[in-house]
Amino acid sequence: QVQLVESGGGSVQPGDSLRLSCAASGGTFVGYVMGWFRQAPGKEREFVATISWGGGGTNYGDSVKGRFTISRDNAKKTMYLQMDSLKSEDTAVYYCAASTTGWGDKSRWDDYQYWGQGTQVTVSS
């Protein structure tokens, strides 16, 4: 079973960049499809991005396309989310997640079996 720990959150201004990391321990990292989700106060958990086992396949939520980039380093058992051109509406708790159910749509939170505790991202002027 894999354990996930997010880091890299913080408070930034609109237009700034931030990189989140998700470090995995236990399990076989390369065997998991990985994803990022976020949840703002009073809102449902929202799909941000997903990446396939080797990193060759990626998908993004419409609200972050062209601004966020997901990547992974299987040797370091770490996944990343590079967030550029941040907007106030990106403010949320960001969660990383691991899925054992194969590649595909992967935009549903219930496709993922393992979750980190989350890291807060606040974008405000």
N, C-alpha and C. Protein backbone atom coordinates (compact mmCIF):
# COMPACT_ATOMS: atom_id res chain seq x y z
N GLN A 1 0.84 -1.19 0.00
CA GLN A 1 0.00 0.00 0.00
C GLN A 1 0.88 1.24 0.00
N VAL A 2 0.53 2.20 -0.82
CA VAL A 2 1.35 3.39 -0.97
C VAL A 2 0.87 4.50 -0.02
N GLN A 3 1.83 5.26 0.53
CA GLN A 3 1.52 6.45 1.31
C GLN A 3 1.97 7.67 0.51
N LEU A 4 1.17 8.72 0.53
CA LEU A 4 1.43 9.90 -0.27
C LEU A 4 1.51 11.14 0.60
N VAL A 5 2.52 11.98 0.35
CA VAL A 5 2.68 13.21 1.10
C VAL A 5 2.93 14.37 0.13
N GLU A 6 2.03 15.35 0.18
CA GLU A 6 2.17 16.53 -0.67
C GLU A 6 3.02 17.60 0.02
N SER A 7 3.67 18.41 -0.80
CA SER A 7 4.42 19.57 -0.29
C SER A 7 4.48 20.62 -1.37
N GLY A 8 4.90 21.83 -0.98
CA GLY A 8 5.09 22.90 -1.95
C GLY A 8 3.99 23.94 -2.00
N GLY A 9 2.94 23.74 -1.22
CA GLY A 9 1.88 24.73 -1.21
C GLY A 9 2.34 26.02 -0.54
N GLY A 10 1.51 27.05 -0.68
CA GLY A 10 1.84 28.32 -0.06
C GLY A 10 0.93 29.43 -0.54
N SER A 11 1.29 30.65 -0.20
CA SER A 11 0.52 31.82 -0.60
C SER A 11 1.29 32.60 -1.65
N VAL A 12 0.67 32.86 -2.78
CA VAL A 12 1.31 33.59 -3.88
C VAL A 12 0.33 34.61 -4.43
N GLN A 13 0.85 35.46 -5.31
CA GLN A 13 0.02 36.47 -5.96
C GLN A 13 -0.44 35.98 -7.33
N PRO A 14 -1.51 36.55 -7.83
CA PRO A 14 -1.96 36.18 -9.19
C PRO A 14 -0.85 36.38 -10.20
N GLY A 15 -0.72 35.41 -11.10
CA GLY A 15 0.33 35.45 -12.11
C GLY A 15 1.60 34.73 -11.71
N ASP A 16 1.74 34.41 -10.44
CA ASP A 16 2.92 33.71 -9.95
C ASP A 16 2.87 32.23 -10.31
N SER A 17 3.98 31.55 -10.03
CA SER A 17 4.08 30.11 -10.25
C SER A 17 4.36 29.40 -8.93
N LEU A 18 4.03 28.12 -8.91
CA LEU A 18 4.25 27.28 -7.74
C LEU A 18 4.40 25.85 -8.23
N ARG A 19 5.25 25.07 -7.57
CA ARG A 19 5.38 23.66 -7.92
C ARG A 19 5.06 22.80 -6.71
N LEU A 20 4.10 21.94 -6.88
CA LEU A 20 3.74 20.98 -5.85
C LEU A 20 4.46 19.67 -6.10
N SER A 21 4.77 18.98 -5.01
CA SER A 21 5.37 17.65 -5.08
C SER A 21 4.51 16.67 -4.31
N CYS A 22 4.55 15.44 -4.75
CA CYS A 22 3.85 14.35 -4.06
C CYS A 22 4.84 13.20 -3.94
N ALA A 23 5.31 12.95 -2.74
CA ALA A 23 6.28 11.90 -2.49
C ALA A 23 5.57 10.63 -2.04
N ALA A 24 5.93 9.51 -2.65
CA ALA A 24 5.30 8.24 -2.34
C ALA A 24 6.27 7.34 -1.58
N SER A 25 5.71 6.56 -0.68
CA SER A 25 6.49 5.55 0.02
C SER A 25 5.63 4.29 0.13
N GLY A 26 6.31 3.15 0.18
CA GLY A 26 5.55 1.90 0.17
C GLY A 26 5.00 1.63 -1.22
N GLY A 27 4.58 0.43 -1.47
CA GLY A 27 4.01 0.11 -2.77
C GLY A 27 5.04 0.20 -3.89
N THR A 28 4.59 0.05 -5.10
CA THR A 28 5.44 0.16 -6.28
C THR A 28 4.94 1.36 -7.07
N PHE A 29 5.63 2.47 -6.94
CA PHE A 29 5.17 3.75 -7.48
C PHE A 29 4.84 3.65 -8.96
N VAL A 30 5.69 2.98 -9.72
CA VAL A 30 5.51 2.91 -11.16
C VAL A 30 4.23 2.16 -11.52
N GLY A 31 3.69 1.42 -10.59
CA GLY A 31 2.47 0.66 -10.85
C GLY A 31 1.19 1.46 -10.71
N TYR A 32 1.29 2.71 -10.32
CA TYR A 32 0.11 3.55 -10.08
C TYR A 32 -0.04 4.63 -11.14
N VAL A 33 -1.24 4.78 -11.63
CA VAL A 33 -1.60 6.00 -12.33
C VAL A 33 -1.81 7.06 -11.24
N MET A 34 -1.27 8.23 -11.47
CA MET A 34 -1.29 9.26 -10.44
C MET A 34 -2.15 10.45 -10.88
N GLY A 35 -2.66 11.17 -9.90
CA GLY A 35 -3.50 12.32 -10.24
C GLY A 35 -3.42 13.41 -9.19
N TRP A 36 -3.83 14.58 -9.60
CA TRP A 36 -3.99 15.73 -8.69
C TRP A 36 -5.45 16.17 -8.73
N PHE A 37 -5.98 16.44 -7.56
CA PHE A 37 -7.32 17.00 -7.40
C PHE A 37 -7.20 18.22 -6.49
N ARG A 38 -8.24 19.03 -6.46
CA ARG A 38 -8.25 20.16 -5.54
C ARG A 38 -9.66 20.38 -5.03
N GLN A 39 -9.74 21.01 -3.88
CA GLN A 39 -11.04 21.30 -3.28
C GLN A 39 -11.00 22.66 -2.61
N ALA A 40 -11.86 23.54 -3.07
CA ALA A 40 -12.00 24.86 -2.48
C ALA A 40 -13.13 24.81 -1.45
N PRO A 41 -13.12 25.72 -0.49
CA PRO A 41 -14.16 25.73 0.54
C PRO A 41 -15.56 25.80 -0.06
N GLY A 42 -16.42 24.89 0.38
CA GLY A 42 -17.79 24.89 -0.09
C GLY A 42 -18.00 24.31 -1.47
N LYS A 43 -16.94 23.77 -2.06
CA LYS A 43 -17.05 23.20 -3.41
C LYS A 43 -16.68 21.73 -3.42
N GLU A 44 -17.08 21.04 -4.47
CA GLU A 44 -16.74 19.63 -4.60
C GLU A 44 -15.28 19.47 -5.03
N ARG A 45 -14.76 18.28 -4.77
CA ARG A 45 -13.39 17.99 -5.21
C ARG A 45 -13.35 18.01 -6.73
N GLU A 46 -12.36 18.71 -7.26
CA GLU A 46 -12.25 18.94 -8.69
C GLU A 46 -11.01 18.26 -9.27
N PHE A 47 -11.17 17.61 -10.40
CA PHE A 47 -10.05 17.00 -11.10
C PHE A 47 -9.13 18.07 -11.66
N VAL A 48 -7.82 17.88 -11.45
CA VAL A 48 -6.83 18.82 -11.97
C VAL A 48 -6.03 18.19 -13.11
N ALA A 49 -5.40 17.03 -12.83
CA ALA A 49 -4.56 16.41 -13.84
C ALA A 49 -4.28 14.97 -13.46
N THR A 50 -3.92 14.18 -14.47
CA THR A 50 -3.54 12.80 -14.23
C THR A 50 -2.39 12.42 -15.16
N ILE A 51 -1.61 11.41 -14.74
CA ILE A 51 -0.46 11.00 -15.53
C ILE A 51 -0.35 9.49 -15.47
N SER A 52 0.01 8.89 -16.60
CA SER A 52 0.10 7.43 -16.70
C SER A 52 1.37 6.92 -16.03
N TRP A 53 1.52 5.61 -16.01
CA TRP A 53 2.61 4.98 -15.25
C TRP A 53 3.98 5.49 -15.63
N GLY A 54 4.25 5.58 -16.92
CA GLY A 54 5.57 6.02 -17.37
C GLY A 54 5.64 7.50 -17.68
N GLY A 55 4.51 8.19 -17.57
CA GLY A 55 4.48 9.62 -17.82
C GLY A 55 4.15 10.01 -19.26
N GLY A 56 3.97 9.02 -20.12
CA GLY A 56 3.70 9.34 -21.52
C GLY A 56 2.31 9.83 -21.80
N GLY A 57 1.39 9.56 -20.88
CA GLY A 57 0.02 10.00 -21.05
C GLY A 57 -0.38 10.97 -19.96
N THR A 58 -0.99 12.08 -20.34
CA THR A 58 -1.46 13.07 -19.36
C THR A 58 -2.83 13.60 -19.80
N ASN A 59 -3.60 14.01 -18.83
CA ASN A 59 -4.87 14.70 -19.08
C ASN A 59 -5.05 15.79 -18.04
N TYR A 60 -5.76 16.84 -18.43
CA TYR A 60 -5.95 17.98 -17.56
C TYR A 60 -7.41 18.41 -17.49
N GLY A 61 -7.77 18.98 -16.36
CA GLY A 61 -9.07 19.60 -16.26
C GLY A 61 -9.12 20.87 -17.11
N ASP A 62 -10.29 21.21 -17.59
CA ASP A 62 -10.42 22.35 -18.51
C ASP A 62 -9.93 23.65 -17.88
N SER A 63 -10.12 23.80 -16.59
CA SER A 63 -9.77 25.06 -15.93
C SER A 63 -8.27 25.27 -15.79
N VAL A 64 -7.46 24.24 -15.98
CA VAL A 64 -6.02 24.39 -15.79
C VAL A 64 -5.21 24.12 -17.06
N LYS A 65 -5.89 23.70 -18.13
CA LYS A 65 -5.18 23.40 -19.38
C LYS A 65 -4.38 24.60 -19.86
N GLY A 66 -3.13 24.32 -20.24
CA GLY A 66 -2.26 25.38 -20.73
C GLY A 66 -1.53 26.15 -19.65
N ARG A 67 -1.92 25.95 -18.38
CA ARG A 67 -1.26 26.65 -17.28
C ARG A 67 -0.54 25.70 -16.33
N PHE A 68 -1.05 24.50 -16.15
CA PHE A 68 -0.47 23.52 -15.24
C PHE A 68 0.17 22.39 -16.04
N THR A 69 1.23 21.82 -15.46
CA THR A 69 1.91 20.68 -16.08
C THR A 69 2.16 19.61 -15.03
N ILE A 70 1.70 18.41 -15.30
CA ILE A 70 1.93 17.28 -14.41
C ILE A 70 3.11 16.48 -14.92
N SER A 71 3.91 15.95 -13.99
CA SER A 71 5.04 15.11 -14.37
C SER A 71 5.34 14.16 -13.22
N ARG A 72 6.17 13.18 -13.49
CA ARG A 72 6.56 12.23 -12.44
C ARG A 72 7.98 11.77 -12.68
N ASP A 73 8.64 11.42 -11.58
CA ASP A 73 9.98 10.84 -11.62
C ASP A 73 9.89 9.52 -10.87
N ASN A 74 9.79 8.43 -11.62
CA ASN A 74 9.58 7.13 -10.97
C ASN A 74 10.79 6.70 -10.14
N ALA A 75 11.98 7.11 -10.53
CA ALA A 75 13.17 6.77 -9.75
C ALA A 75 13.13 7.42 -8.38
N LYS A 76 12.54 8.61 -8.30
CA LYS A 76 12.44 9.34 -7.02
C LYS A 76 11.10 9.10 -6.34
N LYS A 77 10.21 8.32 -6.99
CA LYS A 77 8.89 8.05 -6.44
C LYS A 77 8.16 9.36 -6.12
N THR A 78 8.23 10.28 -7.03
CA THR A 78 7.65 11.60 -6.80
C THR A 78 6.89 12.07 -8.04
N MET A 79 5.76 12.72 -7.78
CA MET A 79 4.98 13.35 -8.83
C MET A 79 4.98 14.85 -8.59
N TYR A 80 4.86 15.62 -9.66
CA TYR A 80 4.91 17.07 -9.55
C TYR A 80 3.71 17.71 -10.25
N LEU A 81 3.40 18.92 -9.81
CA LEU A 81 2.43 19.74 -10.52
C LEU A 81 3.02 21.14 -10.60
N GLN A 82 3.45 21.51 -11.80
CA GLN A 82 3.93 22.86 -12.04
C GLN A 82 2.75 23.74 -12.38
N MET A 83 2.53 24.78 -11.58
CA MET A 83 1.39 25.66 -11.75
C MET A 83 1.88 27.05 -12.13
N ASP A 84 1.56 27.49 -13.32
CA ASP A 84 1.95 28.80 -13.81
C ASP A 84 0.71 29.67 -14.01
N SER A 85 0.95 30.97 -14.10
CA SER A 85 -0.14 31.93 -14.32
C SER A 85 -1.30 31.69 -13.35
N LEU A 86 -0.97 31.59 -12.10
CA LEU A 86 -1.98 31.27 -11.11
C LEU A 86 -3.03 32.37 -10.99
N LYS A 87 -4.25 31.95 -10.73
CA LYS A 87 -5.39 32.84 -10.59
C LYS A 87 -6.00 32.66 -9.20
N SER A 88 -6.77 33.62 -8.79
CA SER A 88 -7.41 33.53 -7.47
C SER A 88 -8.30 32.30 -7.38
N GLU A 89 -8.90 31.93 -8.48
CA GLU A 89 -9.79 30.76 -8.48
C GLU A 89 -9.05 29.43 -8.38
N ASP A 90 -7.72 29.47 -8.40
CA ASP A 90 -6.92 28.27 -8.17
C ASP A 90 -6.74 27.99 -6.67
N THR A 91 -7.18 28.90 -5.84
CA THR A 91 -7.07 28.72 -4.39
C THR A 91 -7.86 27.50 -3.95
N ALA A 92 -7.17 26.58 -3.28
CA ALA A 92 -7.80 25.33 -2.86
C ALA A 92 -6.78 24.50 -2.09
N VAL A 93 -7.26 23.43 -1.49
CA VAL A 93 -6.38 22.39 -0.98
C VAL A 93 -6.14 21.42 -2.13
N TYR A 94 -4.88 21.14 -2.40
CA TYR A 94 -4.52 20.25 -3.50
C TYR A 94 -4.13 18.89 -2.94
N TYR A 95 -4.70 17.85 -3.54
CA TYR A 95 -4.46 16.48 -3.10
C TYR A 95 -3.83 15.68 -4.22
N CYS A 96 -2.86 14.83 -3.87
CA CYS A 96 -2.39 13.86 -4.84
C CYS A 96 -3.06 12.52 -4.55
N ALA A 97 -3.17 11.71 -5.58
CA ALA A 97 -3.89 10.45 -5.46
C ALA A 97 -3.26 9.41 -6.37
N ALA A 98 -3.42 8.15 -5.98
CA ALA A 98 -2.87 7.02 -6.74
C ALA A 98 -3.98 6.05 -7.09
N SER A 99 -3.93 5.56 -8.31
CA SER A 99 -4.97 4.65 -8.79
C SER A 99 -4.36 3.33 -9.26
N THR A 100 -5.04 2.24 -8.91
CA THR A 100 -4.61 0.92 -9.36
C THR A 100 -5.47 0.39 -10.49
N THR A 101 -6.42 1.18 -10.95
CA THR A 101 -7.43 0.67 -11.88
C THR A 101 -7.15 0.97 -13.33
N GLY A 102 -5.88 1.30 -13.67
CA GLY A 102 -5.52 1.42 -15.07
C GLY A 102 -5.71 2.79 -15.66
N TRP A 103 -5.25 2.96 -16.87
CA TRP A 103 -5.30 4.25 -17.55
C TRP A 103 -6.63 4.41 -18.27
N GLY A 104 -7.07 5.64 -18.41
CA GLY A 104 -8.32 5.93 -19.08
C GLY A 104 -8.73 7.34 -18.77
N ASP A 105 -9.99 7.59 -18.52
CA ASP A 105 -10.48 8.93 -18.22
C ASP A 105 -9.79 9.48 -16.97
N LYS A 106 -9.91 8.81 -15.88
CA LYS A 106 -9.24 9.11 -14.62
C LYS A 106 -9.59 10.48 -14.05
N SER A 107 -10.70 11.07 -14.42
CA SER A 107 -11.08 12.37 -13.89
C SER A 107 -12.03 12.25 -12.70
N ARG A 108 -12.44 11.04 -12.36
CA ARG A 108 -13.34 10.84 -11.23
C ARG A 108 -12.52 10.53 -9.98
N TRP A 109 -12.85 11.19 -8.89
CA TRP A 109 -12.07 10.99 -7.68
C TRP A 109 -12.19 9.56 -7.17
N ASP A 110 -13.31 8.89 -7.46
CA ASP A 110 -13.48 7.54 -6.95
C ASP A 110 -12.75 6.49 -7.78
N ASP A 111 -11.99 6.93 -8.79
CA ASP A 111 -11.10 6.03 -9.52
C ASP A 111 -9.77 5.85 -8.79
N TYR A 112 -9.58 6.60 -7.71
CA TYR A 112 -8.30 6.59 -7.00
C TYR A 112 -8.48 5.98 -5.61
N GLN A 113 -7.54 5.15 -5.24
CA GLN A 113 -7.67 4.38 -4.00
C GLN A 113 -6.86 4.96 -2.85
N TYR A 114 -5.83 5.73 -3.16
CA TYR A 114 -4.95 6.25 -2.13
C TYR A 114 -4.82 7.76 -2.28
N TRP A 115 -4.82 8.45 -1.13
CA TRP A 115 -4.83 9.91 -1.12
C TRP A 115 -3.83 10.45 -0.11
N GLY A 116 -3.26 11.60 -0.45
CA GLY A 116 -2.45 12.32 0.51
C GLY A 116 -3.33 13.20 1.39
N GLN A 117 -2.71 13.92 2.31
CA GLN A 117 -3.43 14.76 3.26
C GLN A 117 -3.77 16.13 2.69
N GLY A 118 -3.12 16.52 1.63
CA GLY A 118 -3.42 17.80 0.99
C GLY A 118 -2.45 18.90 1.38
N THR A 119 -2.30 19.86 0.48
CA THR A 119 -1.48 21.04 0.74
C THR A 119 -2.24 22.26 0.24
N GLN A 120 -2.22 23.32 1.06
CA GLN A 120 -3.01 24.52 0.74
C GLN A 120 -2.28 25.41 -0.25
N VAL A 121 -3.01 25.85 -1.26
CA VAL A 121 -2.51 26.85 -2.21
C VAL A 121 -3.46 28.04 -2.15
N THR A 122 -2.92 29.20 -1.86
CA THR A 122 -3.71 30.42 -1.79
C THR A 122 -3.15 31.43 -2.77
N VAL A 123 -4.01 31.91 -3.66
CA VAL A 123 -3.61 32.90 -4.66
C VAL A 123 -4.41 34.17 -4.38
N SER A 124 -3.70 35.20 -3.94
CA SER A 124 -4.39 36.42 -3.55
C SER A 124 -3.46 37.61 -3.69
N SER A 125 -4.04 38.74 -4.07
CA SER A 125 -3.25 39.97 -4.16
C SER A 125 -3.30 40.74 -2.84
